[in-house]
């Protein structure tokens, strides 16, 4: 924890310092590498300062939040406490300068599987590189133990 505090105070991080040469998909992977490192400051370098982070609940309601709040929570965790594993990541490029990344996930907290679902991130290609401008996820309401395998089987059957 002391090393983390010193690194943050000096502005040092093991993660890349800029998203300028990264693809949207690479940025998504960096977000979750920062999560595993317990480094909320690193998360914020890849998102627009006002970017919302929401959750589409299974009842259809939307729980509102922000990347700043998420990063603050990450900063309360130690390295390895949270491990969100994304897989079958797909990037869709729209108009020039816009992209959407779909990233199914399973998440572990303190080594215990606590959830699964799909993240969706909207990106803008800014002067600082690809930055997240909106994030939303939807939790899977079934068995998270088999979610990844079940998702991959279904994904292979989609033309």
N, C-alpha and C. Protein backbone atom coordinates (compact mmCIF):
# COMPACT_ATOMS: atom_id res chain seq x y z
N UNK A 1 0.81 -1.19 0.00
CA UNK A 1 0.00 0.00 0.00
C UNK A 1 0.86 1.26 0.00
N UNK A 2 1.98 1.22 0.76
CA UNK A 2 2.90 2.36 0.79
C UNK A 2 3.49 2.59 -0.59
N UNK A 3 3.88 1.50 -1.28
CA UNK A 3 4.43 1.62 -2.63
C UNK A 3 3.41 2.25 -3.56
N UNK A 4 2.14 1.82 -3.43
CA UNK A 4 1.07 2.39 -4.27
C UNK A 4 0.94 3.89 -4.01
N UNK A 5 0.94 4.29 -2.74
CA UNK A 5 0.81 5.70 -2.39
C UNK A 5 1.98 6.51 -2.95
N UNK A 6 3.19 5.99 -2.83
CA UNK A 6 4.36 6.69 -3.36
C UNK A 6 4.27 6.79 -4.88
N UNK A 7 3.88 5.70 -5.53
CA UNK A 7 3.75 5.72 -6.99
C UNK A 7 2.72 6.73 -7.43
N UNK A 8 1.58 6.78 -6.73
CA UNK A 8 0.53 7.73 -7.09
C UNK A 8 1.00 9.16 -6.85
N UNK A 9 1.69 9.40 -5.74
CA UNK A 9 2.17 10.75 -5.43
C UNK A 9 3.17 11.23 -6.48
N UNK A 10 3.97 10.33 -6.98
CA UNK A 10 4.98 10.70 -7.98
C UNK A 10 4.42 10.64 -9.41
N UNK A 11 3.19 10.17 -9.54
CA UNK A 11 2.60 10.06 -10.87
C UNK A 11 3.11 8.86 -11.63
N UNK A 12 3.67 7.88 -10.93
CA UNK A 12 4.22 6.70 -11.59
C UNK A 12 3.18 5.60 -11.62
N UNK A 13 3.19 4.84 -12.66
CA UNK A 13 2.30 3.69 -12.77
C UNK A 13 2.93 2.69 -13.71
N UNK A 14 2.62 1.44 -13.51
CA UNK A 14 3.15 0.40 -14.39
C UNK A 14 2.38 0.34 -15.69
N UNK A 15 1.29 1.08 -15.76
CA UNK A 15 0.45 1.07 -16.94
C UNK A 15 0.86 2.18 -17.89
N UNK A 16 0.51 2.06 -19.18
CA UNK A 16 0.86 3.13 -20.12
C UNK A 16 0.31 4.47 -19.65
N UNK A 17 1.03 5.54 -19.92
CA UNK A 17 0.61 6.85 -19.46
C UNK A 17 -0.30 7.56 -20.43
N UNK A 18 -0.52 7.02 -21.60
CA UNK A 18 -1.35 7.69 -22.59
C UNK A 18 -2.08 6.68 -23.46
N UNK A 19 -3.27 7.05 -23.84
CA UNK A 19 -4.05 6.21 -24.74
C UNK A 19 -3.86 6.65 -26.19
N UNK A 20 -2.90 7.54 -26.44
CA UNK A 20 -2.78 8.15 -27.77
C UNK A 20 -2.52 7.16 -28.89
N UNK A 21 -1.83 6.06 -28.62
CA UNK A 21 -1.52 5.10 -29.68
C UNK A 21 -2.27 3.78 -29.51
N UNK A 22 -3.29 3.77 -28.68
CA UNK A 22 -4.01 2.54 -28.38
C UNK A 22 -5.34 2.46 -29.11
N UNK A 23 -5.75 1.25 -29.41
CA UNK A 23 -7.08 1.03 -29.98
C UNK A 23 -8.10 1.05 -28.84
N UNK A 24 -9.39 1.21 -29.16
CA UNK A 24 -10.40 1.14 -28.11
C UNK A 24 -10.34 -0.18 -27.33
N UNK A 25 -10.14 -1.29 -28.03
CA UNK A 25 -10.07 -2.59 -27.35
C UNK A 25 -8.88 -2.63 -26.38
N UNK A 26 -7.75 -2.08 -26.79
CA UNK A 26 -6.58 -2.04 -25.91
C UNK A 26 -6.86 -1.19 -24.67
N UNK A 27 -7.60 -0.10 -24.85
CA UNK A 27 -7.96 0.74 -23.71
C UNK A 27 -8.82 -0.05 -22.73
N UNK A 28 -9.78 -0.83 -23.23
CA UNK A 28 -10.62 -1.64 -22.35
C UNK A 28 -9.74 -2.59 -21.52
N UNK A 29 -8.80 -3.23 -22.17
CA UNK A 29 -7.91 -4.13 -21.43
C UNK A 29 -7.09 -3.37 -20.38
N UNK A 30 -6.67 -2.15 -20.70
CA UNK A 30 -5.92 -1.34 -19.74
C UNK A 30 -6.80 -0.95 -18.54
N UNK A 31 -8.09 -0.68 -18.79
CA UNK A 31 -9.00 -0.36 -17.68
C UNK A 31 -9.01 -1.49 -16.66
N UNK A 32 -9.10 -2.72 -17.15
CA UNK A 32 -9.20 -3.84 -16.23
C UNK A 32 -7.84 -4.26 -15.67
N UNK A 33 -6.76 -3.96 -16.38
CA UNK A 33 -5.43 -4.14 -15.79
C UNK A 33 -5.28 -3.16 -14.61
N UNK A 34 -5.76 -1.93 -14.79
CA UNK A 34 -5.70 -0.94 -13.72
C UNK A 34 -6.57 -1.38 -12.53
N UNK A 35 -7.72 -1.97 -12.83
CA UNK A 35 -8.58 -2.48 -11.77
C UNK A 35 -7.84 -3.54 -10.95
N UNK A 36 -7.21 -4.49 -11.65
CA UNK A 36 -6.46 -5.55 -10.96
C UNK A 36 -5.31 -4.97 -10.13
N UNK A 37 -4.74 -3.88 -10.59
CA UNK A 37 -3.65 -3.23 -9.88
C UNK A 37 -4.14 -2.37 -8.71
N UNK A 38 -5.47 -2.18 -8.60
CA UNK A 38 -6.01 -1.32 -7.56
C UNK A 38 -5.68 0.14 -7.79
N UNK A 39 -5.61 0.54 -9.07
CA UNK A 39 -5.13 1.87 -9.45
C UNK A 39 -6.21 2.69 -10.17
N UNK A 40 -7.04 3.36 -9.39
CA UNK A 40 -8.10 4.19 -9.96
C UNK A 40 -7.57 5.35 -10.76
N UNK A 41 -6.43 5.89 -10.38
CA UNK A 41 -5.84 7.01 -11.12
C UNK A 41 -5.54 6.58 -12.56
N UNK A 42 -5.04 5.37 -12.73
CA UNK A 42 -4.74 4.88 -14.08
C UNK A 42 -6.02 4.73 -14.91
N UNK A 43 -7.11 4.34 -14.28
CA UNK A 43 -8.39 4.22 -14.99
C UNK A 43 -8.79 5.56 -15.58
N UNK A 44 -8.67 6.60 -14.79
CA UNK A 44 -9.15 7.92 -15.21
C UNK A 44 -8.41 8.49 -16.41
N UNK A 45 -7.20 8.03 -16.68
CA UNK A 45 -6.47 8.56 -17.83
C UNK A 45 -7.08 8.11 -19.15
N UNK A 46 -7.95 7.10 -19.10
CA UNK A 46 -8.54 6.55 -20.32
C UNK A 46 -10.00 6.94 -20.53
N UNK A 47 -10.54 7.78 -19.65
CA UNK A 47 -11.95 8.14 -19.77
C UNK A 47 -12.11 9.65 -19.78
N UNK A 48 -13.16 10.10 -20.44
CA UNK A 48 -13.51 11.52 -20.41
C UNK A 48 -13.87 11.87 -18.98
N UNK A 49 -13.52 13.05 -18.53
CA UNK A 49 -13.69 13.41 -17.12
C UNK A 49 -15.12 13.29 -16.62
N UNK A 50 -16.11 13.43 -17.47
CA UNK A 50 -17.52 13.36 -17.04
C UNK A 50 -18.21 12.08 -17.51
N UNK A 51 -17.44 11.08 -17.91
CA UNK A 51 -18.03 9.88 -18.48
C UNK A 51 -18.92 9.14 -17.47
N UNK A 52 -20.17 8.89 -17.85
CA UNK A 52 -21.04 8.10 -16.98
C UNK A 52 -20.70 6.62 -17.07
N UNK A 53 -20.99 5.91 -16.00
CA UNK A 53 -20.85 4.46 -15.95
C UNK A 53 -22.14 3.95 -15.33
N UNK A 54 -22.93 3.25 -16.14
CA UNK A 54 -24.27 2.86 -15.71
C UNK A 54 -24.43 1.35 -15.74
N UNK A 55 -25.50 0.90 -15.12
CA UNK A 55 -25.84 -0.53 -15.13
C UNK A 55 -27.32 -0.65 -15.50
N UNK A 56 -27.58 -1.43 -16.55
CA UNK A 56 -28.95 -1.76 -16.93
C UNK A 56 -29.37 -2.94 -16.06
N UNK A 57 -30.26 -2.69 -15.13
CA UNK A 57 -30.69 -3.72 -14.19
C UNK A 57 -31.64 -4.70 -14.89
N UNK A 58 -31.75 -5.88 -14.34
CA UNK A 58 -32.59 -6.91 -14.95
C UNK A 58 -34.07 -6.52 -14.99
N UNK A 59 -34.49 -5.56 -14.14
CA UNK A 59 -35.89 -5.11 -14.17
C UNK A 59 -36.10 -3.98 -15.18
N UNK A 60 -35.04 -3.61 -15.92
CA UNK A 60 -35.14 -2.57 -16.94
C UNK A 60 -34.77 -1.18 -16.45
N UNK A 61 -34.57 -1.00 -15.16
CA UNK A 61 -34.16 0.31 -14.65
C UNK A 61 -32.65 0.49 -14.90
N UNK A 62 -32.22 1.73 -14.84
CA UNK A 62 -30.81 2.06 -15.06
C UNK A 62 -30.25 2.66 -13.78
N UNK A 63 -29.20 2.04 -13.27
CA UNK A 63 -28.49 2.55 -12.10
C UNK A 63 -27.38 3.45 -12.62
N UNK A 64 -27.42 4.71 -12.22
CA UNK A 64 -26.46 5.70 -12.72
C UNK A 64 -25.23 5.77 -11.83
N UNK A 65 -24.11 6.02 -12.46
CA UNK A 65 -22.85 6.19 -11.76
C UNK A 65 -21.86 6.89 -12.68
N UNK A 66 -20.60 6.86 -12.31
CA UNK A 66 -19.57 7.49 -13.14
C UNK A 66 -18.28 6.71 -13.03
N UNK A 67 -17.42 6.91 -14.00
CA UNK A 67 -16.09 6.30 -13.95
C UNK A 67 -15.30 6.86 -12.77
N UNK A 68 -15.53 8.12 -12.44
CA UNK A 68 -14.83 8.72 -11.31
C UNK A 68 -15.19 7.98 -10.01
N UNK A 69 -16.47 7.63 -9.83
CA UNK A 69 -16.89 6.87 -8.65
C UNK A 69 -16.26 5.48 -8.66
N UNK A 70 -16.28 4.83 -9.82
CA UNK A 70 -15.69 3.49 -9.93
C UNK A 70 -14.20 3.53 -9.60
N UNK A 71 -13.50 4.52 -10.15
CA UNK A 71 -12.07 4.65 -9.89
C UNK A 71 -11.80 4.88 -8.41
N UNK A 72 -12.67 5.67 -7.75
CA UNK A 72 -12.54 5.90 -6.32
C UNK A 72 -12.68 4.60 -5.54
N UNK A 73 -13.62 3.75 -5.95
CA UNK A 73 -13.79 2.45 -5.30
C UNK A 73 -12.55 1.58 -5.53
N UNK A 74 -12.04 1.59 -6.75
CA UNK A 74 -10.85 0.79 -7.07
C UNK A 74 -9.69 1.21 -6.18
N UNK A 75 -9.58 2.51 -5.91
CA UNK A 75 -8.49 3.00 -5.06
C UNK A 75 -8.59 2.51 -3.62
N UNK A 76 -9.74 2.00 -3.21
CA UNK A 76 -9.87 1.46 -1.85
C UNK A 76 -9.42 0.01 -1.77
N UNK A 77 -9.15 -0.59 -2.93
CA UNK A 77 -8.79 -2.00 -3.00
C UNK A 77 -7.28 -2.18 -3.13
N UNK A 78 -6.81 -3.32 -2.71
CA UNK A 78 -5.41 -3.66 -2.90
C UNK A 78 -5.21 -4.33 -4.25
N UNK A 79 -3.97 -4.47 -4.64
CA UNK A 79 -3.62 -5.15 -5.88
C UNK A 79 -4.17 -6.57 -5.86
N UNK A 80 -4.90 -6.94 -6.90
CA UNK A 80 -5.45 -8.28 -7.04
C UNK A 80 -6.78 -8.51 -6.33
N UNK A 81 -7.27 -7.53 -5.57
CA UNK A 81 -8.54 -7.71 -4.86
C UNK A 81 -9.72 -7.86 -5.83
N UNK A 82 -9.70 -7.09 -6.91
CA UNK A 82 -10.77 -7.15 -7.91
C UNK A 82 -10.18 -7.60 -9.24
N UNK A 83 -10.82 -8.57 -9.85
CA UNK A 83 -10.32 -9.12 -11.11
C UNK A 83 -11.50 -9.31 -12.06
N UNK A 84 -11.73 -8.32 -12.90
CA UNK A 84 -12.78 -8.43 -13.92
C UNK A 84 -12.11 -8.93 -15.19
N UNK A 85 -12.51 -10.11 -15.61
CA UNK A 85 -11.93 -10.75 -16.78
C UNK A 85 -12.89 -10.60 -17.95
N UNK A 86 -12.42 -9.91 -19.00
CA UNK A 86 -13.23 -9.74 -20.20
C UNK A 86 -12.79 -10.77 -21.24
N UNK A 87 -13.72 -11.16 -22.10
CA UNK A 87 -13.45 -12.17 -23.12
C UNK A 87 -14.35 -11.89 -24.31
N UNK A 88 -14.05 -12.51 -25.44
CA UNK A 88 -14.85 -12.34 -26.67
C UNK A 88 -15.11 -10.86 -26.95
N UNK A 89 -14.09 -10.03 -26.74
CA UNK A 89 -14.22 -8.58 -26.91
C UNK A 89 -14.36 -8.26 -28.40
N UNK A 90 -15.33 -7.41 -28.71
CA UNK A 90 -15.56 -7.00 -30.10
C UNK A 90 -15.61 -5.48 -30.16
N UNK A 91 -14.98 -4.94 -31.21
CA UNK A 91 -14.99 -3.50 -31.43
C UNK A 91 -15.73 -3.21 -32.72
N UNK A 92 -16.61 -2.21 -32.64
CA UNK A 92 -17.39 -1.77 -33.80
C UNK A 92 -17.06 -0.30 -34.03
N UNK A 93 -16.59 0.00 -35.25
CA UNK A 93 -16.27 1.38 -35.59
C UNK A 93 -17.44 1.96 -36.37
N UNK A 94 -17.93 3.10 -35.91
CA UNK A 94 -19.04 3.78 -36.57
C UNK A 94 -18.49 4.87 -37.46
N UNK A 95 -19.01 6.06 -37.29
CA UNK A 95 -18.50 7.21 -38.03
C UNK A 95 -17.05 7.44 -37.62
N UNK A 96 -16.28 8.13 -38.46
CA UNK A 96 -14.89 8.41 -38.07
C UNK A 96 -14.84 9.03 -36.68
N UNK A 97 -13.98 8.47 -35.85
CA UNK A 97 -13.80 9.01 -34.51
C UNK A 97 -14.70 8.42 -33.44
N UNK A 98 -15.56 7.46 -33.82
CA UNK A 98 -16.45 6.82 -32.85
C UNK A 98 -16.28 5.31 -32.89
N UNK A 99 -16.34 4.68 -31.74
CA UNK A 99 -16.26 3.22 -31.66
C UNK A 99 -17.04 2.75 -30.44
N UNK A 100 -17.49 1.50 -30.52
CA UNK A 100 -18.15 0.85 -29.40
C UNK A 100 -17.46 -0.48 -29.17
N UNK A 101 -17.19 -0.79 -27.90
CA UNK A 101 -16.57 -2.05 -27.54
C UNK A 101 -17.54 -2.83 -26.66
N UNK A 102 -17.80 -4.06 -27.05
CA UNK A 102 -18.61 -4.98 -26.26
C UNK A 102 -17.65 -5.96 -25.60
N UNK A 103 -17.78 -6.11 -24.28
CA UNK A 103 -16.83 -6.93 -23.53
C UNK A 103 -17.56 -7.75 -22.46
N UNK A 104 -17.95 -8.97 -22.79
CA UNK A 104 -18.52 -9.84 -21.76
C UNK A 104 -17.50 -10.03 -20.64
N UNK A 105 -17.99 -10.28 -19.42
CA UNK A 105 -17.08 -10.36 -18.29
C UNK A 105 -17.55 -11.35 -17.23
N UNK A 106 -16.59 -11.79 -16.46
CA UNK A 106 -16.81 -12.42 -15.16
C UNK A 106 -15.94 -11.64 -14.19
N UNK A 107 -16.45 -11.43 -12.98
CA UNK A 107 -15.70 -10.63 -12.02
C UNK A 107 -15.55 -11.37 -10.70
N UNK A 108 -14.32 -11.28 -10.20
CA UNK A 108 -13.96 -11.89 -8.92
C UNK A 108 -13.57 -10.79 -7.96
N UNK A 109 -14.04 -10.89 -6.73
CA UNK A 109 -13.67 -9.96 -5.68
C UNK A 109 -13.09 -10.78 -4.53
N UNK A 110 -11.85 -10.49 -4.21
CA UNK A 110 -11.12 -11.25 -3.18
C UNK A 110 -11.15 -12.75 -3.50
N UNK A 111 -11.00 -13.07 -4.80
CA UNK A 111 -10.91 -14.45 -5.25
C UNK A 111 -12.24 -15.18 -5.41
N UNK A 112 -13.34 -14.52 -5.10
CA UNK A 112 -14.66 -15.15 -5.19
C UNK A 112 -15.42 -14.59 -6.39
N UNK A 113 -15.99 -15.49 -7.20
CA UNK A 113 -16.81 -15.07 -8.34
C UNK A 113 -18.05 -14.35 -7.81
N UNK A 114 -18.21 -13.08 -8.19
CA UNK A 114 -19.33 -12.29 -7.67
C UNK A 114 -20.29 -11.79 -8.74
N UNK A 115 -19.97 -11.98 -10.01
CA UNK A 115 -20.88 -11.51 -11.05
C UNK A 115 -20.36 -11.78 -12.44
N UNK A 116 -21.25 -11.54 -13.40
CA UNK A 116 -20.91 -11.70 -14.81
C UNK A 116 -21.93 -10.92 -15.63
N UNK A 117 -21.63 -10.72 -16.89
CA UNK A 117 -22.53 -9.98 -17.77
C UNK A 117 -21.78 -9.44 -18.97
N UNK A 118 -22.26 -8.33 -19.49
CA UNK A 118 -21.64 -7.71 -20.66
C UNK A 118 -21.46 -6.22 -20.41
N UNK A 119 -20.24 -5.73 -20.66
CA UNK A 119 -19.92 -4.30 -20.65
C UNK A 119 -20.07 -3.78 -22.07
N UNK A 120 -20.47 -2.52 -22.18
CA UNK A 120 -20.42 -1.84 -23.47
C UNK A 120 -19.85 -0.45 -23.23
N UNK A 121 -18.81 -0.13 -23.99
CA UNK A 121 -18.13 1.16 -23.86
C UNK A 121 -18.24 1.93 -25.17
N UNK A 122 -18.60 3.21 -25.08
CA UNK A 122 -18.59 4.10 -26.24
C UNK A 122 -17.32 4.94 -26.16
N UNK A 123 -16.66 5.08 -27.31
CA UNK A 123 -15.38 5.79 -27.38
C UNK A 123 -15.45 6.94 -28.37
N UNK A 124 -14.66 7.96 -28.09
CA UNK A 124 -14.40 9.04 -29.04
C UNK A 124 -12.89 9.13 -29.23
N UNK A 125 -12.48 9.36 -30.47
CA UNK A 125 -11.06 9.52 -30.77
C UNK A 125 -10.73 11.00 -30.59
N UNK A 126 -10.16 11.33 -29.44
CA UNK A 126 -9.88 12.71 -29.07
C UNK A 126 -8.42 13.06 -29.40
N UNK A 127 -8.05 14.27 -29.12
CA UNK A 127 -6.65 14.68 -29.32
C UNK A 127 -5.72 13.91 -28.39
N UNK A 128 -6.27 13.30 -27.34
CA UNK A 128 -5.48 12.50 -26.40
C UNK A 128 -5.55 11.02 -26.71
N UNK A 129 -6.19 10.67 -27.82
CA UNK A 129 -6.37 9.26 -28.17
C UNK A 129 -7.79 8.81 -27.87
N UNK A 130 -8.02 7.52 -28.00
CA UNK A 130 -9.35 6.96 -27.74
C UNK A 130 -9.66 7.08 -26.26
N UNK A 131 -10.79 7.72 -25.96
CA UNK A 131 -11.22 7.90 -24.57
C UNK A 131 -12.65 7.38 -24.43
N UNK A 132 -12.92 6.72 -23.32
CA UNK A 132 -14.28 6.26 -23.03
C UNK A 132 -15.15 7.49 -22.72
N UNK A 133 -16.28 7.58 -23.41
CA UNK A 133 -17.21 8.68 -23.12
C UNK A 133 -18.49 8.18 -22.45
N UNK A 134 -18.70 6.85 -22.44
CA UNK A 134 -19.86 6.27 -21.78
C UNK A 134 -19.62 4.79 -21.57
N UNK A 135 -20.02 4.30 -20.43
CA UNK A 135 -19.95 2.87 -20.15
C UNK A 135 -21.26 2.39 -19.55
N UNK A 136 -21.66 1.21 -19.92
CA UNK A 136 -22.85 0.59 -19.34
C UNK A 136 -22.63 -0.91 -19.33
N UNK A 137 -23.18 -1.56 -18.33
CA UNK A 137 -23.14 -3.01 -18.33
C UNK A 137 -24.51 -3.55 -17.98
N UNK A 138 -24.67 -4.81 -18.26
CA UNK A 138 -25.90 -5.51 -17.88
C UNK A 138 -25.46 -6.82 -17.23
N UNK A 139 -25.94 -7.06 -16.00
CA UNK A 139 -25.55 -8.29 -15.33
C UNK A 139 -26.32 -9.48 -15.91
N UNK A 140 -25.67 -10.61 -15.92
CA UNK A 140 -26.32 -11.86 -16.31
C UNK A 140 -27.08 -12.37 -15.09
N UNK A 141 -28.32 -12.79 -15.28
CA UNK A 141 -29.11 -13.23 -14.13
C UNK A 141 -29.10 -14.75 -13.94
N UNK A 142 -28.21 -15.42 -14.67
CA UNK A 142 -28.09 -16.87 -14.55
C UNK A 142 -26.82 -17.27 -13.81
N UNK A 143 -26.36 -18.45 -14.10
CA UNK A 143 -25.20 -19.04 -13.43
C UNK A 143 -23.90 -18.44 -13.97
N UNK A 144 -23.20 -17.70 -13.13
CA UNK A 144 -21.93 -17.10 -13.55
C UNK A 144 -20.81 -18.12 -13.63
N UNK A 145 -20.96 -19.26 -12.98
CA UNK A 145 -19.93 -20.31 -13.06
C UNK A 145 -19.80 -20.85 -14.48
N UNK A 146 -20.90 -20.91 -15.22
CA UNK A 146 -20.88 -21.45 -16.58
C UNK A 146 -21.03 -20.36 -17.64
N UNK A 147 -21.12 -19.10 -17.21
CA UNK A 147 -21.42 -18.00 -18.12
C UNK A 147 -20.44 -17.89 -19.29
N UNK A 148 -19.15 -17.89 -19.00
CA UNK A 148 -18.15 -17.72 -20.06
C UNK A 148 -18.29 -18.82 -21.11
N UNK A 149 -18.35 -20.07 -20.68
CA UNK A 149 -18.47 -21.19 -21.63
C UNK A 149 -19.78 -21.11 -22.40
N UNK A 150 -20.88 -20.82 -21.70
CA UNK A 150 -22.19 -20.71 -22.36
C UNK A 150 -22.18 -19.58 -23.39
N UNK A 151 -21.58 -18.45 -23.03
CA UNK A 151 -21.51 -17.30 -23.93
C UNK A 151 -20.74 -17.66 -25.19
N UNK A 152 -19.60 -18.34 -25.01
CA UNK A 152 -18.76 -18.69 -26.16
C UNK A 152 -19.47 -19.66 -27.09
N UNK A 153 -20.23 -20.59 -26.55
CA UNK A 153 -20.99 -21.53 -27.39
C UNK A 153 -22.02 -20.75 -28.20
N UNK A 154 -22.75 -19.85 -27.55
CA UNK A 154 -23.77 -19.06 -28.25
C UNK A 154 -23.12 -18.15 -29.29
N UNK A 155 -21.97 -17.55 -28.97
CA UNK A 155 -21.29 -16.67 -29.90
C UNK A 155 -20.85 -17.38 -31.16
N UNK A 156 -20.44 -18.63 -31.02
CA UNK A 156 -20.02 -19.41 -32.20
C UNK A 156 -21.19 -19.75 -33.11
N UNK A 157 -22.40 -19.79 -32.56
CA UNK A 157 -23.56 -20.16 -33.37
C UNK A 157 -24.21 -18.97 -34.07
N UNK A 158 -23.76 -17.75 -33.76
CA UNK A 158 -24.31 -16.55 -34.40
C UNK A 158 -23.59 -16.33 -35.72
N UNK A 159 -24.34 -16.22 -36.82
CA UNK A 159 -23.68 -16.04 -38.14
C UNK A 159 -22.94 -14.74 -38.26
